[in-house]
C-alpha atoms as a PDB file:
ATOM      1  CA  MET A   1      62.429 -58.509-105.810  1.00  0.00           C
ATOM      2  CA  TYR A   2      62.953 -55.413-103.626  1.00  0.00           C
ATOM      3  CA  TRP A   3      64.308 -53.362-106.529  1.00  0.00           C
ATOM      4  CA  TYR A   4      61.509 -54.456-108.822  1.00  0.00           C
ATOM      5  CA  LYS A   5      58.862 -53.395-106.299  1.00  0.00           C
ATOM      6  CA  TYR A   6      60.642 -50.106-105.700  1.00  0.00           C
ATOM      7  CA  ASN A   7      60.877 -49.381-109.425  1.00  0.00           C
ATOM      8  CA  SER A   8      57.191 -50.220-109.866  1.00  0.00           C
ATOM      9  CA  ILE A   9      56.174 -47.953-106.994  1.00  0.00           C
ATOM     10  CA  MET A  10      58.416 -45.117-108.133  1.00  0.00           C
ATOM     11  CA  ALA A  11      57.231 -45.444-111.742  1.00  0.00           C
ATOM     12  CA  LYS A  12      53.629 -45.085-110.590  1.00  0.00           C
ATOM     13  CA  LYS A  13      54.543 -42.151-108.345  1.00  0.00           C
ATOM     14  CA  ARG A  14      56.544 -40.560-111.142  1.00  0.00           C
ATOM     15  CA  THR A  15      53.692 -40.978-113.635  1.00  0.00           C
ATOM     16  CA  THR A  16      51.166 -39.542-111.185  1.00  0.00           C
ATOM     17  CA  THR A  17      53.470 -36.697-110.266  1.00  0.00           C
ATOM     18  CA  GLN A  18      54.308 -35.964-113.908  1.00  0.00           C
ATOM     19  CA  LEU A  19      50.639 -35.857-114.881  1.00  0.00           C
ATOM     20  CA  ALA A  20      49.863 -33.563-111.987  1.00  0.00           C
ATOM     21  CA  SER A  21      52.899 -31.446-112.813  1.00  0.00           C
ATOM     22  CA  GLN A  22      51.755 -31.127-116.444  1.00  0.00           C
ATOM     23  CA  LYS A  23      48.275 -30.198-115.255  1.00  0.00           C
ATOM     24  CA  LEU A  24      49.752 -27.566-112.972  1.00  0.00           C
ATOM     25  CA  ALA A  25      51.992 -26.239-115.748  1.00  0.00           C
ATOM     26  CA  SER A  26      49.044 -25.788-118.098  1.00  0.00           C
ATOM     27  CA  GLN A  27      47.150 -23.921-115.399  1.00  0.00           C
ATOM     28  CA  THR A  28      50.019 -21.510-114.771  1.00  0.00           C
ATOM     29  CA  LYS A  29      49.377 -19.988-118.184  1.00  0.00           C
ATOM     30  CA  THR A  30      46.208 -18.401-116.843  1.00  0.00           C
ATOM     31  CA  GLN A  31      47.381 -17.905-113.275  1.00  0.00           C
ATOM     32  CA  LYS A  32      50.980 -16.988-112.472  1.00  0.00           C
ATOM     33  CA  LEU A  33      52.201 -19.187-109.610  1.00  0.00           C
ATOM     34  CA  ASP A  34      55.282 -18.398-107.583  1.00  0.00           C
ATOM     35  CA  SER A  35      57.956 -21.085-108.106  1.00  0.00           C
ATOM     36  CA  LYS A  36      59.450 -20.416-104.675  1.00  0.00           C
ATOM     37  CA  THR A  37      58.385 -22.140-101.503  1.00  0.00           C
ATOM     38  CA  ASP A  38      54.624 -22.424-101.116  1.00  0.00           C
ATOM     39  CA  THR A  39      53.624 -20.749 -97.866  1.00  0.00           C
ATOM     40  CA  LYS A  40      50.808 -23.217 -97.115  1.00  0.00           C
ATOM     41  CA  THR A  41      52.743 -26.467 -97.582  1.00  0.00           C
ATOM     42  CA  GLY A  42      56.253 -25.140 -96.963  1.00  0.00           C
ATOM     43  CA  ILE A  43      57.862 -26.972 -99.887  1.00  0.00           C
ATOM     44  CA  ASP A  44      59.535 -25.889-103.091  1.00  0.00           C
ATOM     45  CA  PHE A  45      57.740 -28.130-105.561  1.00  0.00           C
ATOM     46  CA  GLN A  46      60.324 -27.940-108.306  1.00  0.00           C
ATOM     47  CA  LYS A  47      63.259 -28.731-106.002  1.00  0.00           C
ATOM     48  CA  GLN A  48      61.442 -31.634-104.378  1.00  0.00           C
ATOM     49  CA  PHE A  49      60.351 -33.024-107.739  1.00  0.00           C
ATOM     50  CA  ALA A  50      63.925 -32.806-109.043  1.00  0.00           C
ATOM     51  CA  ALA A  51      65.189 -34.579-105.902  1.00  0.00           C
ATOM     52  CA  LEU A  52      62.680 -37.387-106.426  1.00  0.00           C
ATOM     53  CA  GLU A  53      63.709 -37.714-110.067  1.00  0.00           C
ATOM     54  CA  THR A  54      67.378 -37.902-109.056  1.00  0.00           C
ATOM     55  CA  ILE A  55      66.696 -40.647-106.511  1.00  0.00           C
ATOM     56  CA  THR A  56      64.702 -42.599-109.097  1.00  0.00           C
ATOM     57  CA  GLU A  57      67.399 -42.251-111.746  1.00  0.00           C
ATOM     58  CA  ASP A  58      70.068 -43.349-109.276  1.00  0.00           C
ATOM     59  CA  PHE A  59      68.023 -46.441-108.408  1.00  0.00           C
ATOM     60  CA  GLU A  60      67.528 -47.257-112.073  1.00  0.00           C
ATOM     61  CA  SER A  61      71.267 -47.004-112.675  1.00  0.00           C
ATOM     62  CA  GLY A  62      72.021 -49.286-109.693  1.00  0.00           C
ATOM     63  CA  LYS A  63      74.014 -46.632-107.879  1.00  0.00           C
ATOM     64  CA  TYR A  64      72.966 -47.571-104.335  1.00  0.00           C
ATOM     65  CA  ASN A  65      73.964 -50.487-102.167  1.00  0.00           C
ATOM     66  CA  LEU A  66      71.315 -52.141 -99.996  1.00  0.00           C
ATOM     67  CA  GLU A  67      71.728 -49.941 -96.912  1.00  0.00           C
ATOM     68  CA  THR A  68      71.916 -46.653 -98.812  1.00  0.00           C
ATOM     69  CA  GLY A  69      69.125 -47.824-101.092  1.00  0.00           C
ATOM     70  CA  LEU A  70      66.845 -48.416 -98.144  1.00  0.00           C
ATOM     71  CA  LYS A  71      67.475 -44.898 -96.829  1.00  0.00           C
ATOM     72  CA  LYS A  72      66.960 -43.371-100.270  1.00  0.00           C
ATOM     73  CA  PHE A  73      63.803 -45.442-100.759  1.00  0.00           C
ATOM     74  CA  GLU A  74      62.368 -44.027 -97.545  1.00  0.00           C
ATOM     75  CA  GLU A  75      63.425 -40.509 -98.538  1.00  0.00           C
ATOM     76  CA  GLY A  76      61.819 -40.921-101.962  1.00  0.00           C
ATOM     77  CA  LEU A  77      58.531 -42.066-100.472  1.00  0.00           C
ATOM     78  CA  HIS A  78      58.552 -39.110 -98.072  1.00  0.00           C
ATOM     79  CA  ILE A  79      59.192 -36.656-100.906  1.00  0.00           C
ATOM     80  CA  ALA A  80      56.466 -38.269-103.033  1.00  0.00           C
ATOM     81  CA  GLN A  81      54.030 -37.959-100.129  1.00  0.00           C
ATOM     82  CA  GLU A  82      54.853 -34.255 -99.681  1.00  0.00           C
ATOM     83  CA  LEU A  83      54.456 -33.612-103.399  1.00  0.00           C
ATOM     84  CA  LYS A  84      51.114 -35.384-103.404  1.00  0.00           C
ATOM     85  CA  LYS A  85      49.901 -33.230-100.495  1.00  0.00           C
ATOM     86  CA  HIS A  86      51.040 -30.102-102.323  1.00  0.00           C
ATOM     87  CA  LEU A  87      49.266 -31.114-105.539  1.00  0.00           C
ATOM     88  CA  GLU A  88      46.082 -31.885-103.611  1.00  0.00           C
ATOM     89  CA  SER A  89      46.297 -28.410-102.082  1.00  0.00           C
ATOM     90  CA  VAL A  90      46.708 -26.858-105.528  1.00  0.00           C
ATOM     91  CA  GLU A  91      43.780 -28.869-106.890  1.00  0.00           C
ATOM     92  CA  ASN A  92      41.609 -27.675-103.989  1.00  0.00           C
ATOM     93  CA  ARG A  93      42.568 -24.070-104.684  1.00  0.00           C
ATOM     94  CA  ILE A  94      41.734 -24.542-108.367  1.00  0.00           C
ATOM     95  CA  GLN A  95      38.334 -25.997-107.493  1.00  0.00           C
ATOM     96  CA  THR A  96      37.692 -23.011-105.219  1.00  0.00           C
ATOM     97  CA  ILE A  97      38.623 -20.591-107.997  1.00  0.00           C
ATOM     98  CA  LYS A  98      36.416 -22.455-110.470  1.00  0.00           C
ATOM     99  CA  GLY A  99      33.562 -22.401-107.960  1.00  0.00           C
ATOM    100  CA  LYS A 100      33.887 -18.648-107.503  1.00  0.00           C
ATOM    101  CA  TYR A 101      33.964 -18.121-111.258  1.00  0.00           C
ATOM    102  CA  TYR A 102      30.909 -20.322-111.709  1.00  0.00           C
ATOM    103  CA  GLU A 103      29.041 -18.366-109.021  1.00  0.00           C
ATOM    104  CA  LEU A 104      29.930 -15.076-110.707  1.00  0.00           C
ATOM    105  CA  THR A 105      28.718 -16.262-114.113  1.00  0.00           C
ATOM    106  CA  GLN A 106      25.460 -17.505-112.590  1.00  0.00           C
ATOM    107  CA  GLU A 107      24.843 -14.103-110.940  1.00  0.00           C
ATOM    108  CA  ASP A 108      25.315 -12.326-114.283  1.00  0.00           C
ATOM    109  CA  GLU A 109      22.539 -14.333-115.957  1.00  0.00           C
END
């Protein structure tokens, strides 16, 4: 039961994170983003995302025993939470940029 719940939670987190990551990737075509540590959130998104994927894959393969699994589960949830905060920050910045652009186009009319 524990593993099923974990896999369900991680699948949802992974799907949400992947969608947000794809959204971010499409936006980097118009705005070059630095792939190093973000100064506002203090995380390296790509490294953290890869770590979360590794934990998920290890769970799916049955690599962890109960005690290690519990620690990795907690670590995975923490990473997912940090990634979510980072993506929310990026979305807020995008909305701000869009708002500025909208204001500029309204002034030109």
